[in-house]
Amino acid sequence: MKKLKRILLLTDTFFLMSGALLAPLYALFVHEIGGDLLDASITSALFMLTAGVVIYVLAKWEDRSRHRRKFVVLGYGISVLGYIGYLFVASPFSLFVVQIILGLAVAFKDPAYDALFSKSDKHVTLAWGEWEAMDYFVYGIGALAGGFIVNSFGFAILLWIMLGFSIISFIVSLLLLQIKNKNL
């Protein structure tokens, strides 16, 4: 497996795990901070709409840039800020802000990540198959682990673990900046 692809898969494994731990428990978390199902829907919508709008705006700019690796690293860095924000969420409004930050993180990361990943192997279908398999494994393990952690220790511990995975993904993503190929 090529170095670029290994780094990209590893960074996204940790990044996806940070979200997968909370994903099936999200409505419970929103309820725990005083929100209801509508608040859970609004926070999810804010994440998706922020990511969608900003991806649409940034993708054209990122496509002309020769700094895709920097956009990926920036996205992982912004996600660390978002996961730090989770530690201070005390109301649905503060969760709205966190979801917007995480939407921005994905918007900076995803188009550049996808472009890099598509160039990481001449067997593009196999490479994306490996990414998809990793994605499902991580979400499955994360869903189970998140439920166990919250059931045993509560949401506060889960949020710290999520932050830890996000920090690891950012640190590993810094390895992208050491790859010599200037076309990336």
N, C-alpha and C. Protein backbone atom coordinates (compact mmCIF):
# COMPACT_ATOMS: atom_id res chain seq x y z
N MET A 1 0.85 -1.18 0.00
CA MET A 1 0.00 0.00 0.00
C MET A 1 0.89 1.24 0.00
N LYS A 2 0.58 2.18 -0.84
CA LYS A 2 1.39 3.39 -0.96
C LYS A 2 1.27 4.26 0.30
N LYS A 3 2.33 5.02 0.56
CA LYS A 3 2.41 5.86 1.76
C LYS A 3 1.24 6.84 1.84
N LEU A 4 0.93 7.51 0.74
CA LEU A 4 -0.16 8.48 0.73
C LEU A 4 -1.47 7.82 1.14
N LYS A 5 -1.77 6.68 0.55
CA LYS A 5 -3.03 6.01 0.86
C LYS A 5 -3.06 5.54 2.32
N ARG A 6 -1.94 5.02 2.82
CA ARG A 6 -1.87 4.57 4.22
C ARG A 6 -2.16 5.72 5.17
N ILE A 7 -1.54 6.86 4.91
CA ILE A 7 -1.74 8.01 5.78
C ILE A 7 -3.20 8.49 5.72
N LEU A 8 -3.74 8.57 4.51
CA LEU A 8 -5.13 9.02 4.37
C LEU A 8 -6.10 8.07 5.07
N LEU A 9 -5.90 6.77 4.90
CA LEU A 9 -6.78 5.80 5.56
C LEU A 9 -6.66 5.89 7.08
N LEU A 10 -5.44 6.03 7.57
CA LEU A 10 -5.22 6.09 9.00
C LEU A 10 -5.85 7.35 9.61
N THR A 11 -5.63 8.49 8.96
CA THR A 11 -6.21 9.73 9.49
C THR A 11 -7.73 9.65 9.52
N ASP A 12 -8.31 9.14 8.45
CA ASP A 12 -9.77 9.08 8.41
C ASP A 12 -10.33 8.02 9.35
N THR A 13 -9.57 6.98 9.62
CA THR A 13 -10.03 5.98 10.59
C THR A 13 -10.24 6.64 11.95
N PHE A 14 -9.26 7.40 12.41
CA PHE A 14 -9.39 8.07 13.70
C PHE A 14 -10.46 9.16 13.67
N PHE A 15 -10.52 9.90 12.57
CA PHE A 15 -11.52 10.95 12.43
C PHE A 15 -12.94 10.37 12.46
N LEU A 16 -13.16 9.33 11.68
CA LEU A 16 -14.48 8.72 11.63
C LEU A 16 -14.86 8.08 12.96
N MET A 17 -13.87 7.52 13.65
CA MET A 17 -14.15 6.92 14.96
C MET A 17 -14.65 7.97 15.94
N SER A 18 -14.07 9.16 15.87
CA SER A 18 -14.50 10.21 16.81
C SER A 18 -15.99 10.52 16.63
N GLY A 19 -16.48 10.52 15.43
CA GLY A 19 -17.90 10.76 15.20
C GLY A 19 -18.75 9.52 15.41
N ALA A 20 -18.22 8.36 15.07
CA ALA A 20 -18.98 7.11 15.18
C ALA A 20 -19.33 6.78 16.62
N LEU A 21 -18.50 7.19 17.55
CA LEU A 21 -18.77 6.91 18.96
C LEU A 21 -20.07 7.55 19.43
N LEU A 22 -20.38 8.72 18.89
CA LEU A 22 -21.57 9.46 19.32
C LEU A 22 -22.77 9.25 18.41
N ALA A 23 -22.53 8.91 17.17
CA ALA A 23 -23.60 8.91 16.16
C ALA A 23 -24.89 8.21 16.61
N PRO A 24 -24.85 6.96 17.07
CA PRO A 24 -26.13 6.32 17.42
C PRO A 24 -26.74 6.85 18.71
N LEU A 25 -25.98 7.62 19.46
CA LEU A 25 -26.44 8.14 20.75
C LEU A 25 -26.76 9.62 20.69
N TYR A 26 -26.72 10.19 19.51
CA TYR A 26 -26.79 11.63 19.35
C TYR A 26 -28.06 12.23 19.95
N ALA A 27 -29.21 11.63 19.67
CA ALA A 27 -30.47 12.18 20.21
C ALA A 27 -30.47 12.13 21.74
N LEU A 28 -29.89 11.08 22.31
CA LEU A 28 -29.78 11.01 23.78
C LEU A 28 -28.89 12.13 24.32
N PHE A 29 -27.79 12.39 23.60
CA PHE A 29 -26.89 13.47 24.01
C PHE A 29 -27.62 14.81 23.97
N VAL A 30 -28.35 15.07 22.90
CA VAL A 30 -29.10 16.33 22.77
C VAL A 30 -30.11 16.44 23.91
N HIS A 31 -30.78 15.36 24.24
CA HIS A 31 -31.73 15.36 25.35
C HIS A 31 -31.01 15.65 26.68
N GLU A 32 -29.83 15.08 26.85
CA GLU A 32 -29.04 15.26 28.07
C GLU A 32 -28.65 16.73 28.29
N ILE A 33 -28.49 17.49 27.21
CA ILE A 33 -28.12 18.90 27.37
C ILE A 33 -29.35 19.82 27.35
N GLY A 34 -30.54 19.23 27.44
CA GLY A 34 -31.76 20.01 27.52
C GLY A 34 -32.47 20.22 26.21
N GLY A 35 -32.05 19.53 25.18
CA GLY A 35 -32.69 19.67 23.88
C GLY A 35 -33.75 18.60 23.65
N ASP A 36 -34.41 18.72 22.53
CA ASP A 36 -35.43 17.73 22.15
C ASP A 36 -35.12 17.21 20.75
N LEU A 37 -36.03 16.43 20.20
CA LEU A 37 -35.79 15.85 18.88
C LEU A 37 -35.66 16.91 17.80
N LEU A 38 -36.40 18.01 17.93
CA LEU A 38 -36.28 19.08 16.95
C LEU A 38 -34.87 19.70 17.02
N ASP A 39 -34.36 19.88 18.22
CA ASP A 39 -32.99 20.40 18.36
C ASP A 39 -31.98 19.44 17.73
N ALA A 40 -32.19 18.14 17.92
CA ALA A 40 -31.29 17.15 17.30
C ALA A 40 -31.34 17.29 15.78
N SER A 41 -32.53 17.48 15.25
CA SER A 41 -32.68 17.66 13.81
C SER A 41 -32.03 18.95 13.33
N ILE A 42 -32.21 20.03 14.09
CA ILE A 42 -31.63 21.31 13.70
C ILE A 42 -30.11 21.22 13.71
N THR A 43 -29.54 20.60 14.74
CA THR A 43 -28.08 20.52 14.81
C THR A 43 -27.52 19.69 13.66
N SER A 44 -28.19 18.60 13.34
CA SER A 44 -27.75 17.80 12.20
C SER A 44 -27.88 18.57 10.90
N ALA A 45 -28.98 19.30 10.76
CA ALA A 45 -29.18 20.12 9.55
C ALA A 45 -28.11 21.20 9.44
N LEU A 46 -27.77 21.83 10.55
CA LEU A 46 -26.73 22.86 10.51
C LEU A 46 -25.39 22.29 10.06
N PHE A 47 -25.05 21.10 10.55
CA PHE A 47 -23.82 20.44 10.12
C PHE A 47 -23.86 20.19 8.62
N MET A 48 -24.91 19.55 8.15
CA MET A 48 -25.02 19.17 6.74
C MET A 48 -25.07 20.39 5.82
N LEU A 49 -25.86 21.37 6.18
CA LEU A 49 -25.99 22.56 5.32
C LEU A 49 -24.70 23.37 5.30
N THR A 50 -24.04 23.49 6.45
CA THR A 50 -22.75 24.19 6.48
C THR A 50 -21.76 23.47 5.59
N ALA A 51 -21.65 22.16 5.77
CA ALA A 51 -20.71 21.38 4.96
C ALA A 51 -21.06 21.51 3.48
N GLY A 52 -22.33 21.37 3.14
CA GLY A 52 -22.74 21.42 1.74
C GLY A 52 -22.46 22.76 1.08
N VAL A 53 -22.82 23.84 1.73
CA VAL A 53 -22.62 25.17 1.15
C VAL A 53 -21.13 25.47 1.02
N VAL A 54 -20.37 25.21 2.08
CA VAL A 54 -18.95 25.56 2.06
C VAL A 54 -18.18 24.65 1.10
N ILE A 55 -18.55 23.38 1.01
CA ILE A 55 -17.92 22.49 0.02
C ILE A 55 -18.15 23.04 -1.38
N TYR A 56 -19.37 23.45 -1.66
CA TYR A 56 -19.70 23.98 -2.98
C TYR A 56 -18.84 25.19 -3.31
N VAL A 57 -18.65 26.06 -2.32
CA VAL A 57 -17.86 27.27 -2.53
C VAL A 57 -16.36 26.96 -2.63
N LEU A 58 -15.85 26.10 -1.74
CA LEU A 58 -14.42 25.84 -1.66
C LEU A 58 -13.89 24.87 -2.72
N ALA A 59 -14.72 23.96 -3.17
CA ALA A 59 -14.23 22.89 -4.05
C ALA A 59 -13.57 23.45 -5.31
N LYS A 60 -14.14 24.49 -5.89
CA LYS A 60 -13.56 25.08 -7.10
C LYS A 60 -12.20 25.69 -6.79
N TRP A 61 -12.10 26.35 -5.66
CA TRP A 61 -10.84 26.95 -5.23
C TRP A 61 -9.81 25.87 -4.92
N GLU A 62 -10.22 24.83 -4.20
CA GLU A 62 -9.31 23.74 -3.86
C GLU A 62 -8.84 23.02 -5.13
N ASP A 63 -9.70 22.92 -6.13
CA ASP A 63 -9.34 22.22 -7.36
C ASP A 63 -8.21 22.95 -8.10
N ARG A 64 -8.18 24.26 -8.00
CA ARG A 64 -7.13 25.04 -8.66
C ARG A 64 -5.85 25.11 -7.82
N SER A 65 -5.96 24.72 -6.58
CA SER A 65 -4.83 24.84 -5.66
C SER A 65 -3.92 23.62 -5.74
N ARG A 66 -2.66 23.83 -5.49
CA ARG A 66 -1.70 22.73 -5.41
C ARG A 66 -1.42 22.40 -3.94
N HIS A 67 -2.35 22.78 -3.07
CA HIS A 67 -2.14 22.61 -1.63
C HIS A 67 -3.22 21.71 -1.01
N ARG A 68 -3.59 20.68 -1.71
CA ARG A 68 -4.66 19.80 -1.22
C ARG A 68 -4.33 19.21 0.15
N ARG A 69 -3.08 18.81 0.33
CA ARG A 69 -2.69 18.22 1.61
C ARG A 69 -2.90 19.22 2.75
N LYS A 70 -2.64 20.49 2.48
CA LYS A 70 -2.84 21.51 3.51
C LYS A 70 -4.32 21.68 3.84
N PHE A 71 -5.18 21.58 2.85
CA PHE A 71 -6.62 21.66 3.11
C PHE A 71 -7.08 20.48 3.97
N VAL A 72 -6.54 19.31 3.70
CA VAL A 72 -6.89 18.13 4.49
C VAL A 72 -6.45 18.34 5.94
N VAL A 73 -5.22 18.77 6.13
CA VAL A 73 -4.70 19.02 7.49
C VAL A 73 -5.53 20.10 8.18
N LEU A 74 -5.86 21.17 7.46
CA LEU A 74 -6.68 22.24 8.01
C LEU A 74 -8.04 21.71 8.46
N GLY A 75 -8.64 20.86 7.65
CA GLY A 75 -9.92 20.27 8.02
C GLY A 75 -9.85 19.45 9.29
N TYR A 76 -8.80 18.63 9.40
CA TYR A 76 -8.63 17.86 10.64
C TYR A 76 -8.35 18.79 11.82
N GLY A 77 -7.61 19.86 11.60
CA GLY A 77 -7.35 20.83 12.67
C GLY A 77 -8.62 21.51 13.15
N ILE A 78 -9.46 21.92 12.21
CA ILE A 78 -10.74 22.54 12.57
C ILE A 78 -11.61 21.55 13.33
N SER A 79 -11.55 20.27 12.94
CA SER A 79 -12.36 19.27 13.65
C SER A 79 -11.93 19.15 15.11
N VAL A 80 -10.63 19.30 15.38
CA VAL A 80 -10.18 19.28 16.78
C VAL A 80 -10.86 20.41 17.55
N LEU A 81 -10.96 21.59 16.96
CA LEU A 81 -11.67 22.69 17.61
C LEU A 81 -13.13 22.34 17.88
N GLY A 82 -13.75 21.70 16.90
CA GLY A 82 -15.14 21.27 17.08
C GLY A 82 -15.29 20.28 18.22
N TYR A 83 -14.38 19.32 18.29
CA TYR A 83 -14.47 18.33 19.36
C TYR A 83 -14.11 18.92 20.72
N ILE A 84 -13.26 19.92 20.75
CA ILE A 84 -13.04 20.66 22.00
C ILE A 84 -14.34 21.34 22.40
N GLY A 85 -15.03 21.89 21.41
CA GLY A 85 -16.31 22.55 21.66
C GLY A 85 -17.33 21.63 22.33
N TYR A 86 -17.33 20.35 21.96
CA TYR A 86 -18.25 19.40 22.60
C TYR A 86 -18.09 19.39 24.11
N LEU A 87 -16.87 19.60 24.59
CA LEU A 87 -16.62 19.57 26.04
C LEU A 87 -17.33 20.70 26.76
N PHE A 88 -17.69 21.76 26.03
CA PHE A 88 -18.33 22.93 26.63
C PHE A 88 -19.81 23.05 26.27
N VAL A 89 -20.34 22.08 25.57
CA VAL A 89 -21.75 22.13 25.18
C VAL A 89 -22.62 21.98 26.43
N ALA A 90 -23.47 22.98 26.64
CA ALA A 90 -24.37 22.95 27.79
C ALA A 90 -25.82 23.23 27.38
N SER A 91 -26.02 23.52 26.11
CA SER A 91 -27.36 23.84 25.62
C SER A 91 -27.43 23.52 24.14
N PRO A 92 -28.63 23.42 23.61
CA PRO A 92 -28.74 23.20 22.17
C PRO A 92 -28.04 24.28 21.34
N PHE A 93 -28.11 25.55 21.79
CA PHE A 93 -27.47 26.61 21.03
C PHE A 93 -25.96 26.39 20.92
N SER A 94 -25.32 26.02 22.02
CA SER A 94 -23.87 25.78 21.96
C SER A 94 -23.55 24.58 21.06
N LEU A 95 -24.46 23.62 21.01
CA LEU A 95 -24.27 22.49 20.10
C LEU A 95 -24.44 22.93 18.65
N PHE A 96 -25.31 23.92 18.41
CA PHE A 96 -25.45 24.47 17.05
C PHE A 96 -24.09 24.98 16.57
N VAL A 97 -23.39 25.71 17.43
CA VAL A 97 -22.08 26.29 17.08
C VAL A 97 -21.08 25.17 16.78
N VAL A 98 -21.06 24.15 17.62
CA VAL A 98 -20.13 23.02 17.42
C VAL A 98 -20.41 22.34 16.09
N GLN A 99 -21.66 22.13 15.76
CA GLN A 99 -22.01 21.46 14.51
C GLN A 99 -21.61 22.30 13.29
N ILE A 100 -21.70 23.61 13.40
CA ILE A 100 -21.26 24.48 12.31
C ILE A 100 -19.75 24.36 12.15
N ILE A 101 -19.01 24.35 13.26
CA ILE A 101 -17.55 24.20 13.19
C ILE A 101 -17.19 22.87 12.55
N LEU A 102 -17.87 21.79 12.95
CA LEU A 102 -17.58 20.48 12.37
C LEU A 102 -17.98 20.43 10.89
N GLY A 103 -19.04 21.14 10.51
CA GLY A 103 -19.40 21.24 9.10
C GLY A 103 -18.32 21.93 8.30
N LEU A 104 -17.72 22.98 8.87
CA LEU A 104 -16.61 23.66 8.21
C LEU A 104 -15.41 22.74 8.07
N ALA A 105 -15.13 21.95 9.11
CA ALA A 105 -14.00 21.01 9.06
C ALA A 105 -14.15 20.04 7.90
N VAL A 106 -15.33 19.47 7.78
CA VAL A 106 -15.58 18.52 6.70
C VAL A 106 -15.50 19.21 5.34
N ALA A 107 -15.99 20.44 5.27
CA ALA A 107 -15.98 21.18 4.00
C ALA A 107 -14.55 21.45 3.53
N PHE A 108 -13.65 21.76 4.44
CA PHE A 108 -12.26 21.98 4.04
C PHE A 108 -11.58 20.67 3.69
N LYS A 109 -11.88 19.61 4.44
CA LYS A 109 -11.18 18.34 4.30
C LYS A 109 -11.65 17.49 3.12
N ASP A 110 -12.93 17.30 2.99
CA ASP A 110 -13.44 16.25 2.10
C ASP A 110 -13.09 16.38 0.62
N PRO A 111 -13.30 17.52 -0.03
CA PRO A 111 -12.96 17.55 -1.46
C PRO A 111 -11.47 17.28 -1.72
N ALA A 112 -10.61 17.90 -0.91
CA ALA A 112 -9.16 17.69 -1.09
C ALA A 112 -8.79 16.25 -0.75
N TYR A 113 -9.38 15.73 0.32
CA TYR A 113 -9.12 14.34 0.71
C TYR A 113 -9.50 13.39 -0.43
N ASP A 114 -10.69 13.58 -0.96
CA ASP A 114 -11.17 12.69 -2.03
C ASP A 114 -10.27 12.78 -3.26
N ALA A 115 -9.82 14.00 -3.60
CA ALA A 115 -8.93 14.15 -4.75
C ALA A 115 -7.60 13.44 -4.49
N LEU A 116 -7.04 13.61 -3.31
CA LEU A 116 -5.78 12.94 -2.97
C LEU A 116 -5.96 11.42 -2.95
N PHE A 117 -7.05 10.98 -2.35
CA PHE A 117 -7.27 9.54 -2.23
C PHE A 117 -7.43 8.90 -3.61
N SER A 118 -8.11 9.60 -4.50
CA SER A 118 -8.29 9.07 -5.85
C SER A 118 -6.97 8.95 -6.60
N LYS A 119 -5.99 9.78 -6.24
CA LYS A 119 -4.67 9.72 -6.87
C LYS A 119 -3.71 8.80 -6.13
N SER A 120 -4.15 8.25 -5.00
CA SER A 120 -3.23 7.49 -4.15
C SER A 120 -2.94 6.09 -4.66
N ASP A 121 -3.70 5.63 -5.64
CA ASP A 121 -3.50 4.26 -6.13
C ASP A 121 -4.03 4.20 -7.56
N LYS A 122 -3.33 3.46 -8.40
CA LYS A 122 -3.81 3.33 -9.79
C LYS A 122 -5.06 2.46 -9.87
N HIS A 123 -5.31 1.66 -8.84
CA HIS A 123 -6.51 0.83 -8.76
C HIS A 123 -7.56 1.61 -7.96
N VAL A 124 -8.20 2.57 -8.61
CA VAL A 124 -9.08 3.51 -7.92
C VAL A 124 -10.27 2.79 -7.27
N THR A 125 -10.88 1.86 -7.96
CA THR A 125 -12.03 1.16 -7.41
C THR A 125 -11.65 0.36 -6.18
N LEU A 126 -10.53 -0.33 -6.23
CA LEU A 126 -10.04 -1.08 -5.08
C LEU A 126 -9.73 -0.14 -3.92
N ALA A 127 -9.09 0.98 -4.20
CA ALA A 127 -8.75 1.94 -3.15
C ALA A 127 -10.01 2.45 -2.45
N TRP A 128 -11.01 2.84 -3.24
CA TRP A 128 -12.25 3.31 -2.62
C TRP A 128 -12.98 2.18 -1.92
N GLY A 129 -12.85 0.95 -2.42
CA GLY A 129 -13.42 -0.20 -1.72
C GLY A 129 -12.78 -0.39 -0.36
N GLU A 130 -11.47 -0.19 -0.29
CA GLU A 130 -10.77 -0.28 0.99
C GLU A 130 -11.25 0.82 1.94
N TRP A 131 -11.44 2.03 1.40
CA TRP A 131 -11.93 3.12 2.24
C TRP A 131 -13.35 2.81 2.74
N GLU A 132 -14.21 2.35 1.84
CA GLU A 132 -15.60 2.03 2.24
C GLU A 132 -15.63 0.94 3.30
N ALA A 133 -14.82 -0.11 3.14
CA ALA A 133 -14.77 -1.18 4.14
C ALA A 133 -14.32 -0.62 5.48
N MET A 134 -13.26 0.20 5.47
CA MET A 134 -12.78 0.83 6.70
C MET A 134 -13.89 1.66 7.33
N ASP A 135 -14.61 2.42 6.53
CA ASP A 135 -15.70 3.27 6.99
C ASP A 135 -16.74 2.45 7.76
N TYR A 136 -17.19 1.35 7.17
CA TYR A 136 -18.21 0.52 7.83
C TYR A 136 -17.66 -0.17 9.07
N PHE A 137 -16.44 -0.65 9.03
CA PHE A 137 -15.84 -1.26 10.22
C PHE A 137 -15.75 -0.24 11.36
N VAL A 138 -15.27 0.95 11.05
CA VAL A 138 -15.12 1.98 12.07
C VAL A 138 -16.47 2.37 12.65
N TYR A 139 -17.46 2.59 11.80
CA TYR A 139 -18.78 2.96 12.31
C TYR A 139 -19.40 1.85 13.15
N GLY A 140 -19.20 0.61 12.75
CA GLY A 140 -19.72 -0.51 13.54
C GLY A 140 -19.06 -0.60 14.89
N ILE A 141 -17.75 -0.56 14.91
CA ILE A 141 -17.00 -0.63 16.16
C ILE A 141 -17.29 0.61 17.02
N GLY A 142 -17.33 1.78 16.39
CA GLY A 142 -17.59 3.01 17.12
C GLY A 142 -18.97 3.04 17.75
N ALA A 143 -19.97 2.56 17.03
CA ALA A 143 -21.33 2.53 17.57
C ALA A 143 -21.40 1.66 18.81
N LEU A 144 -20.80 0.50 18.73
CA LEU A 144 -20.80 -0.42 19.87
C LEU A 144 -19.99 0.15 21.02
N ALA A 145 -18.80 0.64 20.73
CA ALA A 145 -17.93 1.19 21.78
C ALA A 145 -18.57 2.41 22.44
N GLY A 146 -19.16 3.29 21.62
CA GLY A 146 -19.80 4.48 22.18
C GLY A 146 -20.92 4.14 23.14
N GLY A 147 -21.76 3.16 22.77
CA GLY A 147 -22.82 2.73 23.67
C GLY A 147 -22.28 2.17 24.97
N PHE A 148 -21.24 1.37 24.87
CA PHE A 148 -20.63 0.79 26.06
C PHE A 148 -20.04 1.89 26.95
N ILE A 149 -19.34 2.84 26.34
CA ILE A 149 -18.69 3.91 27.12
C ILE A 149 -19.72 4.77 27.83
N VAL A 150 -20.75 5.19 27.11
CA VAL A 150 -21.77 6.05 27.73
C VAL A 150 -22.52 5.27 28.81
N ASN A 151 -22.85 4.03 28.54
CA ASN A 151 -23.57 3.21 29.52
C ASN A 151 -22.73 3.01 30.79
N SER A 152 -21.43 2.85 30.63
CA SER A 152 -20.56 2.58 31.77
C SER A 152 -20.02 3.83 32.44
N PHE A 153 -19.73 4.87 31.68
CA PHE A 153 -19.02 6.02 32.23
C PHE A 153 -19.68 7.37 31.99
N GLY A 154 -20.64 7.45 31.08
CA GLY A 154 -21.33 8.70 30.81
C GLY A 154 -20.77 9.43 29.59
N PHE A 155 -21.49 10.48 29.22
CA PHE A 155 -21.14 11.24 28.03
C PHE A 155 -19.83 12.02 28.18
N ALA A 156 -19.51 12.49 29.37
CA ALA A 156 -18.30 13.30 29.55
C ALA A 156 -17.06 12.52 29.12
N ILE A 157 -16.95 11.27 29.53
CA ILE A 157 -15.80 10.44 29.15
C ILE A 157 -15.80 10.21 27.65
N LEU A 158 -16.98 9.95 27.09
CA LEU A 158 -17.08 9.73 25.64
C LEU A 158 -16.57 10.95 24.88
N LEU A 159 -16.94 12.14 25.30
CA LEU A 159 -16.52 13.36 24.61
C LEU A 159 -15.00 13.53 24.67
N TRP A 160 -14.38 13.18 25.76
CA TRP A 160 -12.91 13.25 25.86
C TRP A 160 -12.26 12.23 24.93
N ILE A 161 -12.84 11.05 24.85
CA ILE A 161 -12.30 10.03 23.94
C ILE A 161 -12.45 10.48 22.49
N MET A 162 -13.59 11.07 22.16
CA MET A 162 -13.81 11.59 20.80
C MET A 162 -12.76 12.65 20.47
N LEU A 163 -12.50 13.54 21.42
CA LEU A 163 -11.48 14.57 21.22
C LEU A 163 -10.12 13.91 20.99
N GLY A 164 -9.82 12.87 21.77
CA GLY A 164 -8.55 12.17 21.61
C GLY A 164 -8.38 11.59 20.22
N PHE A 165 -9.41 10.94 19.71
CA PHE A 165 -9.34 10.40 18.34
C PHE A 165 -9.17 11.51 17.32
N SER A 166 -9.84 12.64 17.53
CA SER A 166 -9.73 13.76 16.61
C SER A 166 -8.31 14.33 16.62
N ILE A 167 -7.72 14.44 17.79
CA ILE A 167 -6.34 14.94 17.89
C ILE A 167 -5.38 13.98 17.18
N ILE A 168 -5.59 12.69 17.37
CA ILE A 168 -4.73 11.70 16.69
C ILE A 168 -4.85 11.85 15.18
N SER A 169 -6.08 12.02 14.68
CA SER A 169 -6.25 12.16 13.22
C SER A 169 -5.51 13.40 12.71
N PHE A 170 -5.56 14.48 13.48
CA PHE A 170 -4.86 15.70 13.07
C PHE A 170 -3.34 15.47 13.07
N ILE A 171 -2.84 14.86 14.11
CA ILE A 171 -1.39 14.61 14.21
C ILE A 171 -0.92 13.72 13.06
N VAL A 172 -1.65 12.65 12.80
CA VAL A 172 -1.27 11.76 11.69
C VAL A 172 -1.37 12.49 10.36
N SER A 173 -2.37 13.38 10.22
CA SER A 173 -2.51 14.12 8.95
C SER A 173 -1.31 15.01 8.66
N LEU A 174 -0.59 15.42 9.69
CA LEU A 174 0.60 16.24 9.48
C LEU A 174 1.66 15.50 8.66
N LEU A 175 1.61 14.17 8.67
CA LEU A 175 2.53 13.38 7.85
C LEU A 175 2.32 13.64 6.36
N LEU A 176 1.12 14.09 5.98
CA LEU A 176 0.85 14.40 4.58
C LEU A 176 1.77 15.51 4.08
N LEU A 177 2.14 16.40 4.97
CA LEU A 177 2.96 17.54 4.57
C LEU A 177 4.41 17.13 4.31
N GLN A 178 4.78 15.92 4.69
CA GLN A 178 6.15 15.44 4.49
C GLN A 178 6.32 14.69 3.17
N ILE A 179 5.22 14.37 2.51
CA ILE A 179 5.30 13.66 1.24
C ILE A 179 5.83 14.63 0.19
N LYS A 180 6.79 14.18 -0.58
CA LYS A 180 7.54 15.06 -1.49
C LYS A 180 6.83 15.43 -2.79
N ASN A 181 5.92 14.60 -3.27
CA ASN A 181 5.28 14.84 -4.58
C ASN A 181 4.56 16.19 -4.57
N LYS A 182 4.99 17.12 -5.38
CA LYS A 182 4.43 18.46 -5.42
C LYS A 182 3.09 18.53 -6.14
N ASN A 183 2.71 17.48 -6.85
CA ASN A 183 1.42 17.48 -7.54
C ASN A 183 0.26 17.17 -6.61
N LEU A 184 0.57 16.87 -5.36
CA LEU A 184 -0.47 16.53 -4.40
C LEU A 184 -0.84 17.78 -3.63
